[in-house]
Amino acid sequence: MSHEATNWAIKQRGLKPTTKIVLWHLCDRFNPDYGCFPSQDRLAHDCEISRSTLNDHLGQLEAVGLLRRVPRLDPVTKRQLPTRYILGFEPGFTPVAVVPCPEIAHGEDEGAERLDDADGCAGGGMADALPCPDFGHGFGGEAVSDFSAEPCPENAESRVRISDTNPVREPLSKPVKEEEGAQARAAISDEVFGNLLDALGLDPAALPGWWQGWPPRLHVQRWRDELGLTEAEIIAAAEASRQEHPEPPDGPKALDRAMQRAAQRKVENAGRKRRKHKSAPAPASRPITDLPAFYADLVNSDRYLPVSAISNTMRDAMLARGLVTAERLRERGVR
């Protein structure tokens, strides 16, 4: 860490906040004797951003002439080493000349600066093409291209950046507030909402904050859809609540209990109406008082008659009253 380097970073003006944070952490990793060469993983971790975002801000810092990136290779293994960052306050610093971007042709046409071994790069000839400051094309530090590239035969894998974030955007699970507002306005008409405000004694020209916008309309819609109240019943309940409370409610939530009571009364009234419309129960059959006549009818008919159904007392009573004959009793098996 170098206080001179971090103080220099703090004094820079005109940078975006994240870009300045990247510059500050670079200066925090600066060593007066050896220079600044943190890995991209370390730098991205310090700045709490992805590697792709980090490279965007490094390109901006290089474009405005505050640093210069020098790629390095191990002279023996030829493997890529962490990039050497030459900061603008270091003695002999010269900003990078911008090479024209092949897609938009910005920058200077000539004078592209080549990096040599004097800047601390073991492979100075590799920096012939410097990155475009806006898009990061070309070779500059650790590769950030999203396009396919053949890996170095001496390295285990390609140095092409693997994006840190998922490029696929997931669909929204819920509609945005503007869509919810449109749905609420379509469901609760201006006329109904205006009638509700009149029933509550609210002035549409000077509405409290809780009654402005689409949220109160959506709240009224819930009274209708979830509690089962009609728009007329909602307005009637609002009028009844004003008779109990002299001041208008601060917002629709203050009417939730009144609407719940109205919905409960509606359910109870519907239950009473259903009970009234039920058919009256059938009258209970009268008890049999004339048993001899009842059994005589059974004997004289062809219906099934158990032998033990008629006692001797009942037989004598039927014969005494002349309700049956002795011959009919014998035919039916009554002795």
Protein backbone atom coordinates (compact mmCIF):
# COMPACT_ATOMS: atom_id res chain seq x y z
CA MET A 1 0.00 0.00 0.00
CA SER A 2 1.22 3.49 -0.88
CA HIS A 3 -0.28 6.62 0.68
CA GLU A 4 1.05 8.65 -2.23
CA ALA A 5 -0.79 6.40 -4.69
CA THR A 6 -4.12 6.36 -2.81
CA ASN A 7 -4.01 10.13 -2.26
CA TRP A 8 -3.43 10.58 -5.98
CA ALA A 9 -6.45 8.37 -6.75
CA ILE A 10 -8.69 10.33 -4.39
CA LYS A 11 -7.77 13.62 -6.07
CA GLN A 12 -8.91 12.47 -9.51
CA ARG A 13 -12.12 14.14 -10.70
CA GLY A 14 -14.68 13.42 -13.40
CA LEU A 15 -14.80 9.66 -12.88
CA LYS A 16 -17.85 7.54 -12.21
CA PRO A 17 -18.02 6.18 -8.65
CA THR A 18 -17.26 2.58 -9.58
CA THR A 19 -14.44 3.63 -11.90
CA LYS A 20 -12.88 5.64 -9.09
CA ILE A 21 -13.20 2.68 -6.71
CA VAL A 22 -11.29 0.52 -9.22
CA LEU A 23 -8.56 3.17 -9.48
CA TRP A 24 -8.33 3.46 -5.69
CA HIS A 25 -7.94 -0.30 -5.20
CA LEU A 26 -5.29 -0.39 -7.89
CA CYS A 27 -3.38 2.32 -6.03
CA ASP A 28 -3.94 0.44 -2.76
CA ARG A 29 -2.13 -2.55 -4.34
CA PHE A 30 0.74 -0.36 -5.59
CA ASN A 31 4.21 -1.10 -4.21
CA PRO A 32 6.75 1.73 -4.61
CA ASP A 33 9.56 -0.76 -5.25
CA TYR A 34 7.86 -3.35 -7.43
CA GLY A 35 4.85 -1.63 -8.98
CA CYS A 36 1.20 -2.70 -9.26
CA PHE A 37 0.22 -6.12 -10.62
CA PRO A 38 -2.83 -7.59 -8.77
CA SER A 39 -4.69 -10.43 -10.48
CA GLN A 40 -8.09 -9.71 -11.95
CA ASP A 41 -9.75 -12.09 -9.49
CA ARG A 42 -8.19 -10.21 -6.56
CA LEU A 43 -9.07 -6.81 -7.99
CA ALA A 44 -12.66 -7.84 -8.80
CA HIS A 45 -13.02 -9.21 -5.25
CA ASP A 46 -11.70 -5.98 -3.73
CA CYS A 47 -14.06 -3.83 -5.82
CA GLU A 48 -17.02 -6.24 -5.35
CA ILE A 49 -17.77 -6.34 -9.08
CA SER A 50 -17.56 -8.98 -11.80
CA ARG A 51 -14.49 -9.41 -13.99
CA SER A 52 -16.38 -8.22 -17.05
CA THR A 53 -17.41 -5.00 -15.26
CA LEU A 54 -13.87 -4.60 -13.95
CA ASN A 55 -12.44 -4.73 -17.48
CA ASP A 56 -14.94 -2.11 -18.64
CA HIS A 57 -13.73 0.31 -15.96
CA LEU A 58 -10.07 -0.50 -16.59
CA GLY A 59 -10.63 0.36 -20.24
CA GLN A 60 -12.16 3.69 -19.24
CA LEU A 61 -9.23 4.51 -16.94
CA GLU A 62 -6.79 3.64 -19.71
CA ALA A 63 -8.76 5.72 -22.22
CA VAL A 64 -8.60 8.85 -20.04
CA GLY A 65 -4.85 8.41 -19.48
CA LEU A 66 -4.82 7.44 -15.79
CA LEU A 67 -3.20 4.05 -16.21
CA ARG A 68 -1.57 1.76 -18.71
CA ARG A 69 -1.93 -2.01 -18.85
CA VAL A 70 1.12 -4.08 -19.73
CA PRO A 71 0.59 -7.82 -20.31
CA ARG A 72 3.35 -10.10 -19.02
CA LEU A 73 4.50 -13.64 -19.82
CA ASP A 74 6.71 -15.95 -17.85
CA PRO A 75 9.99 -16.10 -19.87
CA VAL A 76 10.40 -19.83 -19.17
CA THR A 77 6.90 -21.33 -19.18
CA LYS A 78 5.35 -18.69 -21.46
CA ARG A 79 2.34 -18.65 -19.21
CA GLN A 80 0.38 -15.46 -18.69
CA LEU A 81 1.30 -13.53 -15.54
CA PRO A 82 -0.86 -10.90 -13.80
CA THR A 83 -1.02 -7.70 -15.80
CA ARG A 84 1.37 -4.89 -14.82
CA TYR A 85 -0.59 -1.65 -14.21
CA ILE A 86 1.46 1.53 -14.70
CA LEU A 87 -0.32 4.36 -12.87
CA GLY A 88 -0.42 7.96 -14.01
CA PHE A 89 1.68 9.37 -11.15
CA GLU A 90 4.63 7.02 -11.75
CA PRO A 91 7.77 8.65 -13.20
CA GLY A 92 8.03 8.37 -16.96
CA PHE A 93 4.33 7.43 -17.39
CA THR A 94 3.02 7.92 -20.92
CA PRO A 95 -0.65 7.28 -21.74
CA VAL A 96 -1.62 4.67 -24.28
CA ALA A 97 -2.25 5.89 -27.82
CA VAL A 98 -5.63 4.62 -28.94
CA VAL A 99 -5.75 2.27 -31.93
CA PRO A 100 -8.86 2.69 -34.17
CA CYS A 101 -11.66 0.34 -33.23
CA PRO A 102 -12.48 -1.89 -36.23
CA GLU A 103 -16.25 -1.62 -35.56
CA ILE A 104 -16.69 2.13 -35.17
CA ALA A 105 -13.29 3.41 -36.42
CA HIS A 106 -12.79 5.87 -33.55
CA GLY A 107 -9.36 6.89 -32.27
CA GLU A 108 -6.20 7.90 -34.09
CA ASP A 109 -5.28 6.33 -37.39
CA GLU A 110 -1.54 6.36 -36.70
CA GLY A 111 0.90 6.44 -33.88
CA ALA A 112 -0.16 3.36 -31.96
CA GLU A 113 2.34 2.92 -29.19
CA ARG A 114 4.13 -0.40 -28.82
CA LEU A 115 4.98 -1.72 -25.38
CA ASP A 116 8.58 -2.82 -24.90
CA ASP A 117 10.61 -4.61 -22.31
CA ALA A 118 11.56 -1.32 -20.68
CA ASP A 119 8.05 -1.07 -19.28
CA GLY A 120 8.41 -4.33 -17.47
CA CYS A 121 6.85 -6.65 -20.02
CA ALA A 122 8.64 -9.87 -20.74
CA GLY A 123 6.90 -10.20 -24.07
CA GLY A 124 6.86 -6.67 -25.44
CA GLY A 125 5.88 -7.71 -28.95
CA MET A 126 2.53 -9.03 -27.78
CA ALA A 127 1.03 -5.57 -27.25
CA ASP A 128 0.91 -4.52 -30.91
CA ALA A 129 -2.86 -4.14 -30.74
CA LEU A 130 -4.14 -2.13 -27.79
CA PRO A 131 -7.74 -2.41 -26.63
CA CYS A 132 -10.46 -0.12 -27.84
CA PRO A 133 -11.31 2.04 -24.74
CA ASP A 134 -15.05 1.75 -25.35
CA PHE A 135 -15.41 -1.92 -26.18
CA GLY A 136 -12.16 -3.53 -25.01
CA HIS A 137 -11.33 -5.06 -28.43
CA GLY A 138 -7.83 -6.28 -29.00
CA PHE A 139 -5.26 -7.55 -26.55
CA GLY A 140 -4.93 -5.64 -23.29
CA GLY A 141 -4.28 -7.27 -19.97
CA GLU A 142 -6.38 -10.32 -19.33
CA ALA A 143 -8.62 -11.14 -22.27
CA VAL A 144 -12.28 -10.18 -21.92
CA SER A 145 -13.64 -11.24 -25.31
CA ASP A 146 -16.90 -13.20 -25.45
CA PHE A 147 -16.03 -14.67 -28.84
CA SER A 148 -14.46 -18.07 -29.39
CA ALA A 149 -10.66 -18.28 -29.48
CA GLU A 150 -8.16 -21.08 -29.77
CA PRO A 151 -6.45 -21.71 -26.42
CA CYS A 152 -2.74 -21.28 -26.10
CA PRO A 153 -1.09 -24.68 -26.69
CA GLU A 154 1.06 -24.19 -23.60
CA ASN A 155 -1.80 -23.10 -21.32
CA ALA A 156 -4.34 -25.51 -19.90
CA GLU A 157 -7.34 -23.53 -21.11
CA SER A 158 -8.30 -20.56 -23.20
CA ARG A 159 -7.92 -17.14 -21.64
CA VAL A 160 -11.20 -16.04 -23.19
CA ARG A 161 -13.39 -14.63 -20.43
CA ILE A 162 -16.25 -16.70 -19.14
CA SER A 163 -19.02 -14.30 -18.27
CA ASP A 164 -19.61 -13.98 -14.53
CA THR A 165 -23.30 -13.32 -14.95
CA ASN A 166 -26.08 -15.21 -16.66
CA PRO A 167 -26.81 -13.46 -20.00
CA VAL A 168 -30.32 -14.91 -20.12
CA ARG A 169 -32.88 -12.60 -18.60
CA GLU A 170 -35.51 -14.45 -16.62
CA PRO A 171 -39.13 -13.42 -17.18
CA LEU A 172 -40.71 -11.32 -14.49
CA SER A 173 -42.70 -13.41 -12.01
CA LYS A 174 -44.93 -10.46 -11.18
CA PRO A 175 -46.18 -7.56 -13.29
CA VAL A 176 -44.45 -4.24 -12.84
CA LYS A 177 -46.20 -1.49 -10.93
CA GLU A 178 -47.32 0.31 -14.08
CA GLU A 179 -49.12 -2.83 -15.29
CA GLU A 180 -50.70 -3.33 -11.87
CA GLY A 181 -51.90 0.26 -11.96
CA ALA A 182 -53.45 -0.24 -15.38
CA GLN A 183 -55.23 -3.39 -14.21
CA ALA A 184 -56.56 -1.64 -11.11
CA ARG A 185 -57.81 1.32 -13.12
CA ALA A 186 -59.51 -1.00 -15.60
CA ALA A 187 -61.19 -3.02 -12.83
CA ILE A 188 -62.38 -0.08 -10.68
CA SER A 189 -63.81 2.64 -12.86
CA ASP A 190 -63.25 6.34 -12.20
CA GLU A 191 -66.97 6.75 -11.58
CA VAL A 192 -67.07 4.08 -8.85
CA PHE A 193 -63.90 5.39 -7.22
CA GLY A 194 -65.27 8.92 -7.34
CA ASN A 195 -68.52 7.78 -5.71
CA LEU A 196 -66.49 6.12 -2.97
CA LEU A 197 -64.56 9.32 -2.33
CA ASP A 198 -67.85 11.25 -2.16
CA ALA A 199 -69.29 8.72 0.31
CA LEU A 200 -66.21 9.20 2.50
CA GLY A 201 -66.36 12.99 2.26
CA LEU A 202 -62.99 13.31 0.52
CA ASP A 203 -62.19 16.14 -1.87
CA PRO A 204 -60.81 14.70 -5.15
CA ALA A 205 -58.81 17.89 -5.68
CA ALA A 206 -56.99 17.57 -2.35
CA LEU A 207 -56.65 13.85 -1.68
CA PRO A 208 -54.35 12.58 1.10
CA GLY A 209 -51.35 10.61 -0.08
CA TRP A 210 -52.90 7.22 0.83
CA TRP A 211 -55.75 7.86 -1.61
CA GLN A 212 -53.61 8.88 -4.59
CA GLY A 213 -52.43 6.73 -7.49
CA TRP A 214 -53.33 3.13 -8.29
CA PRO A 215 -52.75 1.41 -4.86
CA PRO A 216 -56.10 2.53 -3.35
CA ARG A 217 -57.96 1.37 -6.46
CA LEU A 218 -56.27 -2.02 -6.15
CA HIS A 219 -57.30 -2.11 -2.49
CA VAL A 220 -60.92 -1.45 -3.42
CA GLN A 221 -60.67 -4.20 -6.03
CA ARG A 222 -59.62 -6.64 -3.29
CA TRP A 223 -62.74 -5.76 -1.29
CA ARG A 224 -64.78 -6.77 -4.28
CA ASP A 225 -62.87 -9.86 -5.41
CA GLU A 226 -61.74 -11.32 -2.08
CA LEU A 227 -64.62 -10.31 0.22
CA GLY A 228 -67.34 -10.78 -2.39
CA LEU A 229 -68.82 -7.26 -2.04
CA THR A 230 -70.39 -5.49 -4.97
CA GLU A 231 -69.38 -1.94 -5.82
CA ALA A 232 -72.72 -0.67 -4.48
CA GLU A 233 -72.21 -2.56 -1.21
CA ILE A 234 -68.71 -1.10 -0.86
CA ILE A 235 -70.05 2.43 -1.22
CA ALA A 236 -72.88 1.70 1.23
CA ALA A 237 -70.41 0.34 3.79
CA ALA A 238 -68.25 3.43 3.32
CA GLU A 239 -71.26 5.69 3.97
CA ALA A 240 -72.13 3.71 7.11
CA SER A 241 -68.57 4.04 8.40
CA ARG A 242 -68.73 7.84 8.06
CA GLN A 243 -71.80 7.89 10.28
CA GLU A 244 -69.76 6.19 13.01
CA HIS A 245 -66.57 8.24 12.48
CA PRO A 246 -66.75 12.01 11.90
CA GLU A 247 -63.35 12.22 10.19
CA PRO A 248 -62.62 10.62 6.79
CA PRO A 249 -60.28 7.59 6.92
CA ASP A 250 -56.58 8.21 6.31
CA GLY A 251 -56.44 5.46 3.72
CA PRO A 252 -58.28 2.40 2.39
CA LYS A 253 -56.74 0.13 5.04
CA ALA A 254 -58.71 2.00 7.69
CA LEU A 255 -61.91 0.64 6.08
CA ASP A 256 -60.82 -3.02 6.03
CA ARG A 257 -62.73 -3.94 9.20
CA ALA A 258 -65.87 -2.15 8.05
CA MET A 259 -65.73 -4.02 4.73
CA GLN A 260 -65.12 -7.34 6.49
CA ARG A 261 -68.17 -6.76 8.71
CA ALA A 262 -70.25 -5.90 5.64
CA ALA A 263 -69.11 -9.11 3.94
CA GLN A 264 -69.96 -11.14 7.06
CA ARG A 265 -73.45 -9.61 7.25
CA LYS A 266 -73.94 -10.43 3.59
CA VAL A 267 -73.08 -14.09 4.19
CA GLU A 268 -75.37 -14.29 7.23
CA ASN A 269 -78.31 -12.73 5.36
CA ALA A 270 -77.81 -15.14 2.48
CA GLY A 271 -77.88 -18.06 4.92
CA ARG A 272 -81.13 -16.88 6.49
CA LYS A 273 -82.76 -16.52 3.09
CA ARG A 274 -81.76 -20.04 2.14
CA ARG A 275 -83.25 -21.42 5.35
CA LYS A 276 -86.55 -19.61 4.70
CA HIS A 277 -86.85 -21.02 1.21
CA LYS A 278 -86.51 -24.61 2.38
CA SER A 279 -89.72 -26.68 2.05
CA ALA A 280 -91.71 -27.33 5.22
CA PRO A 281 -91.24 -30.81 6.69
CA ALA A 282 -93.96 -33.39 5.94
CA PRO A 283 -96.51 -33.74 8.74
CA ALA A 284 -95.91 -36.70 11.00
CA SER A 285 -98.32 -39.61 10.56
CA ARG A 286 -100.97 -39.87 13.21
CA PRO A 287 -100.69 -42.81 15.60
CA ILE A 288 -103.04 -45.76 15.03
CA THR A 289 -105.78 -45.60 17.65
CA ASP A 290 -108.21 -48.29 16.30
CA LEU A 291 -106.04 -51.39 16.35
CA PRO A 292 -108.89 -53.94 15.73
CA ALA A 293 -109.89 -52.09 12.55
CA PHE A 294 -106.22 -51.88 11.46
CA TYR A 295 -105.66 -55.62 11.89
CA ALA A 296 -109.03 -56.48 10.36
CA ASP A 297 -108.06 -54.59 7.23
CA LEU A 298 -104.82 -56.57 7.17
CA VAL A 299 -106.67 -59.89 7.55
CA ASN A 300 -109.24 -59.11 4.85
CA SER A 301 -106.51 -58.07 2.37
CA ASP A 302 -104.08 -60.25 0.50
CA ARG A 303 -101.01 -58.66 2.08
CA TYR A 304 -98.51 -60.74 3.99
CA LEU A 305 -99.71 -61.54 7.51
CA PRO A 306 -97.39 -63.22 10.02
CA VAL A 307 -99.11 -65.92 12.04
CA SER A 308 -97.99 -64.38 15.35
CA ALA A 309 -99.11 -60.87 14.41
CA ILE A 310 -102.61 -61.20 15.89
CA SER A 311 -103.05 -62.23 19.48
CA ASN A 312 -106.08 -64.08 20.85
CA THR A 313 -107.36 -60.89 22.46
CA MET A 314 -107.19 -59.02 19.13
CA ARG A 315 -108.90 -61.93 17.35
CA ASP A 316 -111.79 -61.92 19.83
CA ALA A 317 -112.13 -58.14 19.54
CA MET A 318 -112.37 -58.28 15.73
CA LEU A 319 -114.93 -61.11 15.88
CA ALA A 320 -116.99 -59.30 18.53
CA ARG A 321 -117.18 -56.18 16.38
CA GLY A 322 -117.93 -58.18 13.24
CA LEU A 323 -114.89 -56.84 11.44
CA VAL A 324 -113.80 -60.33 10.25
CA THR A 325 -115.31 -63.78 9.97
CA ALA A 326 -114.05 -66.97 11.59
CA GLU A 327 -113.72 -68.55 8.13
CA ARG A 328 -111.46 -65.66 6.94
CA LEU A 329 -109.33 -66.01 10.03
CA ARG A 330 -108.82 -69.73 9.36
CA GLU A 331 -107.91 -68.96 5.72
CA ARG A 332 -105.25 -66.51 6.95
CA GLY A 333 -103.91 -69.02 9.50
CA VAL A 334 -105.15 -67.25 12.60
CA ARG A 335 -106.33 -69.76 15.26
